[in-house]
Amino acid sequence: MVDAPCDRTEDVAELIFHHFMTGESISKAAGIPKNDEAIAEYKRLILGLVQDKDTHIVICCLDNNNGAVGEIIGAPLMALITKDKPEELKFQLKSKELQKFFEIIIGLAAMYDMMAEQGVDKFYDGRGVVVHSNYRRCSIGRLICQELGVPLTAALMTAYGTQKAAECDGWEIVSEYNFEEMGKQFNVTFDKKGSSNSKIDGSKGKTQ
């Protein structure tokens, strides 16, 4: 686990794009992978986020035993949420697909008050701890959270494989939403393959 070097931020963005967006349920329901304009805008958004000087990115990479940062195999898509600094998701978006994506994300976030329900004053809100597909189910997500030292990490898990991996790792389901009902609420269609539910999972007291 290391801080991401400035010259590797584009690699982090590529990892997120190729191993997260293309298979993530909300991205697909919003239609991002099917629209070239939305894909290009998504890429610009991710690259801008990882290159922001105020963004601290920790990555998991292969150890080449030479001190150099090897292949990047994991990175957190997480925002630190605190009582003093609530989250603000405000972007100037052009494509209707990205607008729909954030409409769903913001709508789901409003359904569960994590700090009030879990009794914490800060937590990492996971938008997907992206892990290279060749290295999944190796507890890389937990290693990232341990490195950052936050008492609670929570994630909206939309992929069946992620849900099963989280259950095996001892995560607790704190809220659950049915994809069909979500589709009606946000006027989108979710892929019926895999899980029929989206789950908000929390891992509390395991990162210390």
C-alpha atoms as a PDB file:
ATOM      1  CA  MET A   1       0.000   0.000   0.000  1.00  0.00           C
ATOM      2  CA  VAL A   2       1.510   3.333  -1.084  1.00  0.00           C
ATOM      3  CA  ASP A   3       0.483   6.870  -1.924  1.00  0.00           C
ATOM      4  CA  ALA A   4      -0.164   7.163  -5.634  1.00  0.00           C
ATOM      5  CA  PRO A   5       2.754   8.909  -7.394  1.00  0.00           C
ATOM      6  CA  CYS A   6       1.729  11.900  -9.498  1.00  0.00           C
ATOM      7  CA  ASP A   7       2.934  10.178 -12.650  1.00  0.00           C
ATOM      8  CA  ARG A   8       0.601   7.199 -12.068  1.00  0.00           C
ATOM      9  CA  THR A   9      -2.728   9.022 -11.706  1.00  0.00           C
ATOM     10  CA  GLU A  10      -3.705   8.199 -15.280  1.00  0.00           C
ATOM     11  CA  ASP A  11      -3.077   4.521 -14.511  1.00  0.00           C
ATOM     12  CA  VAL A  12      -5.429   4.811 -11.522  1.00  0.00           C
ATOM     13  CA  ALA A  13      -8.074   6.382 -13.756  1.00  0.00           C
ATOM     14  CA  GLU A  14      -7.668   3.581 -16.312  1.00  0.00           C
ATOM     15  CA  LEU A  15      -8.030   0.952 -13.562  1.00  0.00           C
ATOM     16  CA  ILE A  16     -11.276   2.572 -12.423  1.00  0.00           C
ATOM     17  CA  PHE A  17     -12.596   2.840 -15.953  1.00  0.00           C
ATOM     18  CA  HIS A  18     -11.781  -0.677 -17.136  1.00  0.00           C
ATOM     19  CA  HIS A  19     -12.457  -2.621 -13.933  1.00  0.00           C
ATOM     20  CA  PHE A  20     -15.325  -0.695 -12.340  1.00  0.00           C
ATOM     21  CA  MET A  21     -17.532   1.376 -14.633  1.00  0.00           C
ATOM     22  CA  THR A  22     -17.943  -1.201 -17.386  1.00  0.00           C
ATOM     23  CA  GLY A  23     -19.526  -3.783 -15.074  1.00  0.00           C
ATOM     24  CA  GLU A  24     -21.114  -1.708 -12.304  1.00  0.00           C
ATOM     25  CA  SER A  25     -24.923  -1.975 -12.131  1.00  0.00           C
ATOM     26  CA  ILE A  26     -25.827   1.695 -11.682  1.00  0.00           C
ATOM     27  CA  SER A  27     -23.463   2.785 -14.457  1.00  0.00           C
ATOM     28  CA  LYS A  28     -25.049   0.251 -16.789  1.00  0.00           C
ATOM     29  CA  ALA A  29     -28.606   1.157 -15.751  1.00  0.00           C
ATOM     30  CA  ALA A  30     -27.851   4.826 -16.421  1.00  0.00           C
ATOM     31  CA  GLY A  31     -26.656   3.837 -19.895  1.00  0.00           C
ATOM     32  CA  ILE A  32     -23.074   5.077 -19.604  1.00  0.00           C
ATOM     33  CA  PRO A  33     -21.356   2.126 -21.372  1.00  0.00           C
ATOM     34  CA  LYS A  34     -23.715   2.461 -24.362  1.00  0.00           C
ATOM     35  CA  ASN A  35     -23.037   6.116 -25.134  1.00  0.00           C
ATOM     36  CA  ASP A  36     -19.677   7.348 -26.399  1.00  0.00           C
ATOM     37  CA  GLU A  37     -20.299  10.890 -25.133  1.00  0.00           C
ATOM     38  CA  ALA A  38     -21.117   9.584 -21.646  1.00  0.00           C
ATOM     39  CA  ILE A  39     -18.057   7.315 -21.651  1.00  0.00           C
ATOM     40  CA  ALA A  40     -15.794  10.226 -22.606  1.00  0.00           C
ATOM     41  CA  GLU A  41     -17.358  12.429 -19.934  1.00  0.00           C
ATOM     42  CA  TYR A  42     -16.982   9.674 -17.337  1.00  0.00           C
ATOM     43  CA  LYS A  43     -13.294   9.345 -18.224  1.00  0.00           C
ATOM     44  CA  ARG A  44     -12.766  13.105 -17.889  1.00  0.00           C
ATOM     45  CA  LEU A  45     -14.584  13.133 -14.558  1.00  0.00           C
ATOM     46  CA  ILE A  46     -12.524  10.279 -13.122  1.00  0.00           C
ATOM     47  CA  LEU A  47      -9.242  11.722 -14.396  1.00  0.00           C
ATOM     48  CA  GLY A  48     -10.111  15.114 -12.920  1.00  0.00           C
ATOM     49  CA  LEU A  49     -10.903  13.557  -9.556  1.00  0.00           C
ATOM     50  CA  VAL A  50      -7.700  11.543  -9.317  1.00  0.00           C
ATOM     51  CA  GLN A  51      -5.577  14.503 -10.443  1.00  0.00           C
ATOM     52  CA  ASP A  52      -7.168  16.977  -8.017  1.00  0.00           C
ATOM     53  CA  LYS A  53      -4.429  18.347  -5.729  1.00  0.00           C
ATOM     54  CA  ASP A  54      -6.733  17.979  -2.721  1.00  0.00           C
ATOM     55  CA  THR A  55      -7.361  14.298  -3.435  1.00  0.00           C
ATOM     56  CA  HIS A  56      -5.280  11.797  -1.470  1.00  0.00           C
ATOM     57  CA  ILE A  57      -5.113   8.491  -3.300  1.00  0.00           C
ATOM     58  CA  VAL A  58      -3.797   5.304  -1.772  1.00  0.00           C
ATOM     59  CA  ILE A  59      -3.150   2.412  -4.122  1.00  0.00           C
ATOM     60  CA  CYS A  60      -2.410  -1.264  -3.789  1.00  0.00           C
ATOM     61  CA  CYS A  61       0.294  -2.375  -6.187  1.00  0.00           C
ATOM     62  CA  LEU A  62       2.473  -5.366  -6.881  1.00  0.00           C
ATOM     63  CA  ASP A  63       5.767  -5.439  -4.989  1.00  0.00           C
ATOM     64  CA  ASN A  64       8.640  -5.709  -7.454  1.00  0.00           C
ATOM     65  CA  ASN A  65      11.249  -5.707  -4.660  1.00  0.00           C
ATOM     66  CA  ASN A  66      12.995  -2.746  -6.265  1.00  0.00           C
ATOM     67  CA  GLY A  67      11.229   0.170  -4.601  1.00  0.00           C
ATOM     68  CA  ALA A  68       9.323   1.080  -7.747  1.00  0.00           C
ATOM     69  CA  VAL A  69       5.534   1.195  -7.895  1.00  0.00           C
ATOM     70  CA  GLY A  70       4.486  -1.898  -9.800  1.00  0.00           C
ATOM     71  CA  GLU A  71       1.220  -2.730 -11.504  1.00  0.00           C
ATOM     72  CA  ILE A  72      -1.680  -1.000  -9.758  1.00  0.00           C
ATOM     73  CA  ILE A  73      -4.198  -3.653  -8.720  1.00  0.00           C
ATOM     74  CA  GLY A  74      -6.493  -1.735  -6.388  1.00  0.00           C
ATOM     75  CA  ALA A  75      -7.589   1.758  -5.407  1.00  0.00           C
ATOM     76  CA  PRO A  76     -10.377   3.230  -3.279  1.00  0.00           C
ATOM     77  CA  LEU A  77     -13.306   5.003  -4.847  1.00  0.00           C
ATOM     78  CA  MET A  78     -14.142   6.493  -1.473  1.00  0.00           C
ATOM     79  CA  ALA A  79     -14.988   9.838   0.038  1.00  0.00           C
ATOM     80  CA  LEU A  80     -14.312  10.684   3.676  1.00  0.00           C
ATOM     81  CA  ILE A  81     -17.602  11.905   5.131  1.00  0.00           C
ATOM     82  CA  THR A  82     -17.587  13.743   8.469  1.00  0.00           C
ATOM     83  CA  LYS A  83     -20.143  15.684  10.476  1.00  0.00           C
ATOM     84  CA  ASP A  84     -18.100  18.831   9.901  1.00  0.00           C
ATOM     85  CA  LYS A  85     -17.638  18.195   6.200  1.00  0.00           C
ATOM     86  CA  PRO A  86     -20.734  16.594   4.672  1.00  0.00           C
ATOM     87  CA  GLU A  87     -20.549  15.291   1.157  1.00  0.00           C
ATOM     88  CA  GLU A  88     -21.387  17.455  -1.808  1.00  0.00           C
ATOM     89  CA  LEU A  89     -21.830  15.827  -5.195  1.00  0.00           C
ATOM     90  CA  LYS A  90     -21.984  18.807  -7.508  1.00  0.00           C
ATOM     91  CA  PHE A  91     -20.695  18.412 -11.036  1.00  0.00           C
ATOM     92  CA  GLN A  92     -21.413  20.191 -14.293  1.00  0.00           C
ATOM     93  CA  LEU A  93     -22.577  17.241 -16.372  1.00  0.00           C
ATOM     94  CA  LYS A  94     -23.480  17.301 -20.056  1.00  0.00           C
ATOM     95  CA  SER A  95     -24.626  13.774 -20.860  1.00  0.00           C
ATOM     96  CA  LYS A  96     -28.018  12.608 -19.640  1.00  0.00           C
ATOM     97  CA  GLU A  97     -26.425   9.289 -18.682  1.00  0.00           C
ATOM     98  CA  LEU A  98     -24.048  10.891 -16.160  1.00  0.00           C
ATOM     99  CA  GLN A  99     -26.887  13.060 -14.875  1.00  0.00           C
ATOM    100  CA  LYS A 100     -28.999   9.952 -14.315  1.00  0.00           C
ATOM    101  CA  PHE A 101     -26.078   8.149 -12.670  1.00  0.00           C
ATOM    102  CA  PHE A 102     -25.654  10.878 -10.051  1.00  0.00           C
ATOM    103  CA  GLU A 103     -29.414  11.187  -9.589  1.00  0.00           C
ATOM    104  CA  ILE A 104     -29.462   7.526  -8.538  1.00  0.00           C
ATOM    105  CA  ILE A 105     -26.332   7.794  -6.358  1.00  0.00           C
ATOM    106  CA  ILE A 106     -27.597  10.879  -4.524  1.00  0.00           C
ATOM    107  CA  GLY A 107     -31.078   9.402  -4.152  1.00  0.00           C
ATOM    108  CA  LEU A 108     -29.774   6.184  -2.615  1.00  0.00           C
ATOM    109  CA  ALA A 109     -27.404   8.049  -0.293  1.00  0.00           C
ATOM    110  CA  ALA A 110     -30.351   9.990   1.107  1.00  0.00           C
ATOM    111  CA  MET A 111     -32.183   6.797   2.087  1.00  0.00           C
ATOM    112  CA  TYR A 112     -29.845   5.810   4.927  1.00  0.00           C
ATOM    113  CA  ASP A 113     -28.176   8.107   7.474  1.00  0.00           C
ATOM    114  CA  MET A 114     -24.983   6.169   8.098  1.00  0.00           C
ATOM    115  CA  MET A 115     -23.532   8.360  10.857  1.00  0.00           C
ATOM    116  CA  ALA A 116     -26.770   8.523  12.831  1.00  0.00           C
ATOM    117  CA  GLU A 117     -27.591   4.843  12.447  1.00  0.00           C
ATOM    118  CA  GLN A 118     -24.073   3.567  13.171  1.00  0.00           C
ATOM    119  CA  GLY A 119     -23.083   6.106  15.829  1.00  0.00           C
ATOM    120  CA  VAL A 120     -19.923   7.419  14.164  1.00  0.00           C
ATOM    121  CA  ASP A 121     -18.808  10.945  13.311  1.00  0.00           C
ATOM    122  CA  LYS A 122     -16.826   9.974  10.225  1.00  0.00           C
ATOM    123  CA  PHE A 123     -16.702   7.125   7.751  1.00  0.00           C
ATOM    124  CA  TYR A 124     -15.456   6.274   4.312  1.00  0.00           C
ATOM    125  CA  ASP A 125     -18.320   6.158   1.851  1.00  0.00           C
ATOM    126  CA  GLY A 126     -17.283   3.598  -0.708  1.00  0.00           C
ATOM    127  CA  ARG A 127     -18.328   4.101  -4.312  1.00  0.00           C
ATOM    128  CA  GLY A 128     -16.593   0.909  -5.114  1.00  0.00           C
ATOM    129  CA  VAL A 129     -13.163  -0.112  -3.986  1.00  0.00           C
ATOM    130  CA  VAL A 130     -11.923  -1.005  -7.421  1.00  0.00           C
ATOM    131  CA  VAL A 131      -9.763  -4.098  -7.660  1.00  0.00           C
ATOM    132  CA  HIS A 132      -8.204  -5.453 -10.834  1.00  0.00           C
ATOM    133  CA  SER A 133     -10.262  -8.434 -11.995  1.00  0.00           C
ATOM    134  CA  ASN A 134      -7.230 -10.733 -11.754  1.00  0.00           C
ATOM    135  CA  TYR A 135      -6.802 -10.022  -8.029  1.00  0.00           C
ATOM    136  CA  ARG A 136     -10.309 -10.032  -6.604  1.00  0.00           C
ATOM    137  CA  ARG A 137     -11.317 -11.840  -3.379  1.00  0.00           C
ATOM    138  CA  CYS A 138      -7.860 -11.289  -1.886  1.00  0.00           C
ATOM    139  CA  SER A 139      -9.064  -8.858   0.847  1.00  0.00           C
ATOM    140  CA  ILE A 140      -7.434  -5.951  -0.981  1.00  0.00           C
ATOM    141  CA  GLY A 141     -10.412  -3.721  -0.172  1.00  0.00           C
ATOM    142  CA  ARG A 142      -9.931  -4.295   3.553  1.00  0.00           C
ATOM    143  CA  LEU A 143      -6.191  -3.614   3.287  1.00  0.00           C
ATOM    144  CA  ILE A 144      -6.977  -0.230   1.773  1.00  0.00           C
ATOM    145  CA  CYS A 145      -9.346   0.608   4.648  1.00  0.00           C
ATOM    146  CA  GLN A 146      -6.813  -0.537   7.250  1.00  0.00           C
ATOM    147  CA  GLU A 147      -4.202   1.737   5.716  1.00  0.00           C
ATOM    148  CA  LEU A 148      -6.529   4.739   5.936  1.00  0.00           C
ATOM    149  CA  GLY A 149      -7.434   4.055   9.596  1.00  0.00           C
ATOM    150  CA  VAL A 150     -11.134   4.902   9.558  1.00  0.00           C
ATOM    151  CA  PRO A 151     -13.435   3.052  12.015  1.00  0.00           C
ATOM    152  CA  LEU A 152     -16.202   2.441   9.500  1.00  0.00           C
ATOM    153  CA  THR A 153     -16.355   1.945   5.799  1.00  0.00           C
ATOM    154  CA  ALA A 154     -19.677   1.594   4.027  1.00  0.00           C
ATOM    155  CA  ALA A 155     -20.411   0.714   0.451  1.00  0.00           C
ATOM    156  CA  LEU A 156     -23.391   0.424  -1.812  1.00  0.00           C
ATOM    157  CA  MET A 157     -22.713  -2.976  -3.321  1.00  0.00           C
ATOM    158  CA  THR A 158     -24.536  -3.527  -6.574  1.00  0.00           C
ATOM    159  CA  ALA A 159     -22.614  -6.505  -7.968  1.00  0.00           C
ATOM    160  CA  TYR A 160     -23.451 -10.036  -6.820  1.00  0.00           C
ATOM    161  CA  GLY A 161     -19.781 -11.027  -6.679  1.00  0.00           C
ATOM    162  CA  THR A 162     -18.956  -8.038  -4.491  1.00  0.00           C
ATOM    163  CA  GLN A 163     -21.852  -8.840  -2.180  1.00  0.00           C
ATOM    164  CA  LYS A 164     -20.730 -12.445  -1.746  1.00  0.00           C
ATOM    165  CA  ALA A 165     -17.125 -11.410  -1.148  1.00  0.00           C
ATOM    166  CA  ALA A 166     -18.253  -8.888   1.474  1.00  0.00           C
ATOM    167  CA  GLU A 167     -20.373 -11.502   3.244  1.00  0.00           C
ATOM    168  CA  CYS A 168     -17.419 -13.892   3.344  1.00  0.00           C
ATOM    169  CA  ASP A 169     -15.296 -11.086   4.795  1.00  0.00           C
ATOM    170  CA  GLY A 170     -17.780 -10.422   7.606  1.00  0.00           C
ATOM    171  CA  TRP A 171     -19.406  -7.214   6.382  1.00  0.00           C
ATOM    172  CA  GLU A 172     -22.808  -6.403   7.857  1.00  0.00           C
ATOM    173  CA  ILE A 173     -25.807  -5.591   5.672  1.00  0.00           C
ATOM    174  CA  VAL A 174     -27.380  -2.443   7.101  1.00  0.00           C
ATOM    175  CA  SER A 175     -29.845  -1.666   4.331  1.00  0.00           C
ATOM    176  CA  GLU A 176     -31.083  -3.385   1.197  1.00  0.00           C
ATOM    177  CA  TYR A 177     -32.923  -2.219  -1.909  1.00  0.00           C
ATOM    178  CA  ASN A 178     -34.617  -4.181  -4.653  1.00  0.00           C
ATOM    179  CA  PHE A 179     -33.349  -3.423  -8.155  1.00  0.00           C
ATOM    180  CA  GLU A 180     -36.831  -3.635  -9.674  1.00  0.00           C
ATOM    181  CA  GLU A 181     -38.183  -1.083  -7.198  1.00  0.00           C
ATOM    182  CA  MET A 182     -35.128   1.127  -7.724  1.00  0.00           C
ATOM    183  CA  GLY A 183     -35.686   0.935 -11.461  1.00  0.00           C
ATOM    184  CA  LYS A 184     -39.242   2.198 -11.076  1.00  0.00           C
ATOM    185  CA  GLN A 185     -38.180   4.993  -8.744  1.00  0.00           C
ATOM    186  CA  PHE A 186     -35.414   6.275 -11.010  1.00  0.00           C
ATOM    187  CA  ASN A 187     -36.978   5.263 -14.338  1.00  0.00           C
ATOM    188  CA  VAL A 188     -34.173   2.934 -15.410  1.00  0.00           C
ATOM    189  CA  THR A 189     -33.801  -0.785 -16.052  1.00  0.00           C
ATOM    190  CA  PHE A 190     -31.270  -2.791 -14.078  1.00  0.00           C
ATOM    191  CA  ASP A 191     -29.544  -5.891 -15.411  1.00  0.00           C
ATOM    192  CA  LYS A 192     -31.409  -8.936 -14.090  1.00  0.00           C
ATOM    193  CA  LYS A 193     -28.299 -11.099 -14.036  1.00  0.00           C
ATOM    194  CA  GLY A 194     -26.799 -11.853 -10.617  1.00  0.00           C
ATOM    195  CA  SER A 195     -28.270 -10.288  -7.495  1.00  0.00           C
ATOM    196  CA  SER A 196     -31.813  -8.900  -7.447  1.00  0.00           C
ATOM    197  CA  ASN A 197     -30.924  -6.466  -4.665  1.00  0.00           C
ATOM    198  CA  SER A 198     -28.514  -3.645  -4.007  1.00  0.00           C
ATOM    199  CA  LYS A 199     -27.091  -3.694  -0.498  1.00  0.00           C
ATOM    200  CA  ILE A 200     -25.514  -1.065   1.716  1.00  0.00           C
ATOM    201  CA  ASP A 201     -22.886  -2.950   3.683  1.00  0.00           C
ATOM    202  CA  GLY A 202     -20.810  -1.655   6.548  1.00  0.00           C
ATOM    203  CA  SER A 203     -17.548  -2.904   7.986  1.00  0.00           C
ATOM    204  CA  LYS A 204     -17.273  -1.349  11.442  1.00  0.00           C
ATOM    205  CA  GLY A 205     -14.423  -1.587  13.878  1.00  0.00           C
ATOM    206  CA  LYS A 206     -12.360  -3.753  11.540  1.00  0.00           C
ATOM    207  CA  THR A 207     -10.005  -1.152  10.189  1.00  0.00           C
ATOM    208  CA  GLN A 208      -8.211  -0.414  13.446  1.00  0.00           C
END
